[in-house]
Amino acid sequence: MKTNNSILIILLLLVQIGLGQNTASKEIMGQIVEKTTSVDGVNIINNTTQVSTVSDSNGMFSIPGKEGDVLVFSSVNLEPFKHRITAEDLTVSSILIRMTAKEIELKEVVVNENANITAENLGIIPYGQKKYTPAERKVYTATSTSVDKLLNMMSGRTTMLKKEVNVEKKEALFRKIEYLFEENYYTDRLKIPVDDIKGFQLYCVDDAEFAVSLDTKNKTMSMFLITDLARRYLIILENEK
C-alpha cells in the first residue's frame, strides 16, 4: 500500500514539474522586418510581465516570455502589431515578426494663385542668394577660382560661356514677348505684317531699353517702347524692298 502511495506521489511531482516547465519563462529571440527590410528602434513589450526592449540595427530583439504571453510591437512609422507566444515559438531559435508601414495622409495644401511661390519662400535657398541660370552657372564655375579663371580665359572657354549666357537671356526675353501681346496687336495696332512678327520680336529683344522693360515686367513701358520700335522696323522693311 505504501509502495502505491509513493508511486502516486512521484507521478504527481513529475506532472507538477512538467507543468512548471511548460509555464517557465524563456528568452524569445526574433527579428522584425517591414517587407524585406529589417527595422531598428521598434519598441517591444511583454504585456503580461511588462518587460520591454528595443530592436537593434539588424531588427533583432530578445525578450523573456512564456506560452500565452502577448508581445506588443510599436514604432512611429509602423502599424502596431501583437504576437501571442506559442509553444512552437519556445522551440525555435528565432521568430520572424512582419510589420507594416503606416500610410501617411498628406495634408491638403491650398495654393493661392496670386501667391508668389519662389525657391526662397519654400526654403530651398536662403533669402537674398543670387540665382543663376544654367549658362550663368557654367560661367560662375569657370571663373570661381583664380586657376580656373586663368585657364578658361586662355582657352577661350569663358568667352564662349558668356556668349551662351547672352543667347539664353535673349531666348528668355523672346518667350516673354511671345506671351505679352496677341497677334492682332502687332497687325492691327503696330501694322506689322503677319509674316514679319517673329522677326520684329527678335528686333525688339535686341533693344536694351525694351529688354529691361520685359525683364522687369513693366508692360506699360513695353507698350510705349514697342510703338517706336515698330515704326523703325517698318522703315527697315520698306528699305529692304
Protein backbone atom coordinates (compact mmCIF):
# COMPACT_ATOMS: atom_id res chain seq x y z
CA MET A 1 0.00 0.00 0.00
CA LYS A 2 2.80 2.33 0.95
CA THR A 3 4.51 1.48 -2.34
CA ASN A 4 1.43 2.53 -4.31
CA ASN A 5 1.21 5.81 -2.38
CA SER A 6 4.87 6.52 -3.09
CA ILE A 7 4.38 5.90 -6.80
CA LEU A 8 1.37 8.24 -6.82
CA ILE A 9 3.31 10.99 -5.09
CA ILE A 10 6.18 10.63 -7.58
CA LEU A 11 3.75 10.84 -10.52
CA LEU A 12 2.16 13.98 -9.08
CA LEU A 13 5.58 15.56 -8.65
CA LEU A 14 6.51 14.73 -12.23
CA VAL A 15 3.27 16.29 -13.52
CA GLN A 16 3.89 19.44 -11.50
CA ILE A 17 7.47 19.63 -12.76
CA GLY A 18 6.21 19.21 -16.34
CA LEU A 19 3.60 21.89 -15.90
CA GLY A 20 6.19 24.13 -14.36
CA GLN A 21 8.47 23.62 -17.33
CA ASN A 22 5.65 24.44 -19.77
CA THR A 23 4.89 27.72 -17.99
CA ALA A 24 8.52 28.67 -17.33
CA SER A 25 9.73 31.90 -18.94
CA LYS A 26 12.20 31.60 -21.82
CA GLU A 27 14.29 34.12 -23.73
CA ILE A 28 12.46 34.70 -27.01
CA MET A 29 14.77 35.65 -29.89
CA GLY A 30 13.42 37.25 -33.04
CA GLN A 31 13.82 39.66 -35.96
CA ILE A 32 11.49 42.42 -37.13
CA VAL A 33 11.11 43.21 -40.84
CA GLU A 34 8.96 45.57 -42.91
CA LYS A 35 8.52 43.85 -46.28
CA THR A 36 12.12 42.63 -46.77
CA THR A 37 13.92 45.31 -44.76
CA SER A 38 14.96 44.83 -41.15
CA VAL A 39 13.68 47.53 -38.80
CA ASP A 40 15.56 49.01 -35.89
CA GLY A 41 14.25 51.08 -32.99
CA VAL A 42 11.00 49.13 -32.61
CA ASN A 43 9.66 49.04 -29.04
CA ILE A 44 8.72 45.56 -27.82
CA ILE A 45 6.84 44.98 -24.57
CA ASN A 46 5.59 41.77 -22.95
CA ASN A 47 2.04 42.72 -21.94
CA THR A 48 2.00 40.06 -19.22
CA THR A 49 5.26 40.86 -17.46
CA GLN A 50 5.65 44.48 -18.67
CA VAL A 51 9.27 43.71 -19.60
CA SER A 52 10.34 45.76 -22.61
CA THR A 53 13.19 46.00 -25.11
CA VAL A 54 14.11 47.65 -28.44
CA SER A 55 15.17 46.06 -31.73
CA ASP A 56 18.77 46.67 -32.84
CA SER A 57 20.16 47.92 -36.17
CA ASN A 58 19.51 44.50 -37.75
CA GLY A 59 15.94 44.32 -36.44
CA MET A 60 16.95 41.68 -33.87
CA PHE A 61 15.49 41.53 -30.37
CA SER A 62 15.45 39.32 -27.28
CA ILE A 63 12.79 39.33 -24.58
CA PRO A 64 11.74 36.85 -21.86
CA GLY A 65 8.31 35.27 -22.26
CA LYS A 66 6.27 32.12 -21.98
CA GLU A 67 3.48 30.44 -23.89
CA GLY A 68 0.38 32.64 -23.91
CA ASP A 69 2.19 35.92 -23.27
CA VAL A 70 1.39 38.72 -25.73
CA LEU A 71 4.23 40.74 -27.23
CA VAL A 72 3.30 44.22 -28.47
CA PHE A 73 5.46 45.85 -31.18
CA SER A 74 5.24 49.59 -31.85
CA SER A 75 7.14 52.25 -33.80
CA VAL A 76 6.41 55.77 -35.06
CA ASN A 77 6.35 54.79 -38.74
CA LEU A 78 4.87 51.31 -38.39
CA GLU A 79 1.42 49.96 -37.63
CA PRO A 80 1.22 48.43 -34.09
CA PHE A 81 1.49 44.65 -34.05
CA LYS A 82 0.67 41.98 -31.44
CA HIS A 83 2.04 38.45 -31.29
CA ARG A 84 0.93 35.76 -28.83
CA ILE A 85 3.77 33.41 -27.89
CA THR A 86 3.02 29.83 -28.94
CA ALA A 87 4.52 26.52 -27.86
CA GLU A 88 6.33 26.41 -31.21
CA ASP A 89 7.93 29.82 -30.52
CA LEU A 90 9.57 28.30 -27.46
CA THR A 91 11.20 25.54 -29.53
CA VAL A 92 12.65 27.56 -32.42
CA SER A 93 15.85 29.59 -32.33
CA SER A 94 14.23 32.76 -33.68
CA ILE A 95 10.80 34.07 -34.63
CA LEU A 96 10.10 36.43 -37.54
CA ILE A 97 7.84 39.44 -36.97
CA ARG A 98 6.47 41.16 -40.06
CA MET A 99 5.30 44.74 -39.56
CA THR A 100 3.60 47.17 -41.95
CA ALA A 101 4.49 50.77 -42.67
CA LYS A 102 1.88 53.36 -41.73
CA GLU A 103 0.03 55.08 -44.54
CA ILE A 104 0.80 58.77 -44.06
CA GLU A 105 -2.04 61.04 -45.15
CA LEU A 106 -0.70 64.23 -46.68
CA LYS A 107 -2.44 67.40 -45.58
CA GLU A 108 -4.15 69.34 -48.33
CA VAL A 109 -2.11 72.34 -49.40
CA VAL A 110 -4.11 75.25 -50.80
CA VAL A 111 -2.02 77.45 -53.07
CA ASN A 112 -3.20 80.99 -53.64
CA GLU A 113 -2.98 81.61 -57.38
CA ASN A 114 -1.78 85.13 -56.60
CA ALA A 115 0.91 83.92 -54.22
CA ASN A 116 4.50 84.48 -55.24
CA ILE A 117 5.97 80.98 -54.96
CA THR A 118 9.75 81.04 -55.09
CA ALA A 119 12.61 78.78 -54.04
CA GLU A 120 13.26 81.26 -51.21
CA ASN A 121 9.65 81.06 -49.91
CA LEU A 122 9.83 77.27 -49.99
CA GLY A 123 13.08 77.32 -48.01
CA ILE A 124 15.11 75.71 -50.80
CA ILE A 125 17.66 78.52 -50.91
CA PRO A 126 18.40 81.34 -48.43
CA TYR A 127 16.82 84.75 -48.98
CA GLY A 128 18.98 87.13 -50.99
CA GLN A 129 21.12 84.42 -52.56
CA LYS A 130 21.88 85.08 -56.23
CA LYS A 131 20.04 82.76 -58.60
CA TYR A 132 21.90 81.52 -61.67
CA THR A 133 20.54 80.28 -64.98
CA PRO A 134 22.20 77.10 -66.35
CA ALA A 135 24.51 79.15 -68.61
CA GLU A 136 25.35 81.57 -65.77
CA ARG A 137 26.24 78.64 -63.52
CA LYS A 138 28.72 77.43 -66.15
CA VAL A 139 30.37 80.87 -66.22
CA TYR A 140 30.48 81.01 -62.42
CA THR A 141 32.09 77.56 -62.27
CA ALA A 142 34.61 78.51 -64.95
CA THR A 143 35.66 81.68 -63.08
CA SER A 144 35.11 80.68 -59.44
CA THR A 145 38.82 80.22 -58.68
CA SER A 146 41.86 82.10 -59.93
CA VAL A 147 43.30 78.97 -61.57
CA ASP A 148 40.03 78.10 -63.36
CA LYS A 149 39.61 81.71 -64.43
CA LEU A 150 43.11 81.89 -65.93
CA LEU A 151 42.91 78.53 -67.73
CA ASN A 152 39.46 79.20 -69.18
CA MET A 153 40.41 82.70 -70.32
CA MET A 154 43.45 81.29 -72.11
CA SER A 155 41.41 78.58 -73.81
CA GLY A 156 38.59 80.92 -74.78
CA ARG A 157 36.06 78.88 -72.80
CA THR A 158 34.98 81.85 -70.66
CA THR A 159 34.16 83.94 -73.75
CA MET A 160 32.17 81.07 -75.21
CA LEU A 161 30.23 80.57 -71.98
CA LYS A 162 29.43 84.27 -71.72
CA LYS A 163 28.01 84.13 -75.24
CA GLU A 164 25.83 81.24 -74.11
CA VAL A 165 24.54 83.44 -71.28
CA ASN A 166 23.60 86.20 -73.72
CA VAL A 167 21.82 83.74 -76.01
CA GLU A 168 19.98 82.25 -73.04
CA LYS A 169 18.85 85.70 -71.87
CA LYS A 170 17.57 86.61 -75.34
CA GLU A 171 15.66 83.32 -75.55
CA ALA A 172 14.03 84.09 -72.19
CA LEU A 173 13.07 87.60 -73.35
CA PHE A 174 11.73 86.22 -76.63
CA ARG A 175 9.47 83.81 -74.70
CA LYS A 176 8.17 86.74 -72.63
CA ILE A 177 7.33 88.93 -75.62
CA GLU A 178 5.56 85.99 -77.31
CA TYR A 179 3.03 85.90 -74.47
CA LEU A 180 2.88 89.66 -73.87
CA PHE A 181 0.89 90.69 -76.96
CA GLU A 182 -1.69 88.95 -79.12
CA GLU A 183 -1.07 88.58 -82.88
CA ASN A 184 -3.72 91.17 -83.76
CA TYR A 185 -1.89 93.72 -81.61
CA TYR A 186 1.05 93.52 -84.00
CA THR A 187 -1.04 93.53 -87.17
CA ASP A 188 -3.82 95.98 -86.25
CA ARG A 189 -2.12 98.35 -83.82
CA LEU A 190 1.51 98.29 -84.93
CA LYS A 191 0.84 97.46 -88.62
CA ILE A 192 3.45 94.67 -88.63
CA PRO A 193 2.76 92.08 -91.38
CA VAL A 194 1.94 88.60 -90.02
CA ASP A 195 4.96 87.02 -91.70
CA ASP A 196 7.29 89.56 -90.09
CA ILE A 197 6.04 89.30 -86.49
CA LYS A 198 8.77 86.85 -85.37
CA GLY A 199 11.47 88.99 -86.94
CA PHE A 200 10.04 92.09 -85.24
CA GLN A 201 10.01 90.32 -81.87
CA LEU A 202 13.68 89.46 -82.27
CA TYR A 203 14.37 93.07 -83.24
CA CYS A 204 12.64 94.24 -80.04
CA VAL A 205 14.55 91.96 -77.63
CA ASP A 206 17.81 93.24 -79.12
CA ASP A 207 16.88 96.73 -77.91
CA ALA A 208 18.46 97.24 -74.46
CA GLU A 209 15.76 99.58 -73.10
CA PHE A 210 12.93 97.33 -74.26
CA ALA A 211 14.74 94.27 -72.85
CA VAL A 212 14.80 95.97 -69.42
CA SER A 213 11.07 96.66 -69.57
CA LEU A 214 10.44 92.98 -70.38
CA ASP A 215 12.78 91.76 -67.68
CA THR A 216 11.10 93.98 -65.05
CA LYS A 217 7.61 93.05 -66.32
CA ASN A 218 6.77 96.71 -66.94
CA LYS A 219 4.08 96.23 -69.58
CA THR A 220 3.23 99.94 -69.73
CA MET A 221 6.81 100.80 -70.61
CA SER A 222 6.97 97.88 -73.07
CA MET A 223 3.86 99.17 -74.88
CA PHE A 224 5.30 102.67 -75.05
CA LEU A 225 8.66 101.50 -76.41
CA ILE A 226 7.29 98.93 -78.86
CA THR A 227 5.37 101.61 -80.75
CA ASP A 228 8.57 103.42 -81.69
CA LEU A 229 10.34 100.13 -82.39
CA ALA A 230 7.53 99.17 -84.78
CA ARG A 231 7.88 102.49 -86.62
CA ARG A 232 11.63 101.95 -87.09
CA TYR A 233 11.16 98.28 -88.08
CA LEU A 234 8.62 99.21 -90.76
CA ILE A 235 11.15 101.63 -92.24
CA ILE A 236 13.71 98.78 -92.36
CA LEU A 237 11.19 96.56 -94.14
CA GLU A 238 10.41 99.30 -96.61
CA ASN A 239 14.08 99.83 -97.39
CA GLU A 240 14.59 96.10 -97.98
CA LYS A 241 12.00 96.03 -100.75
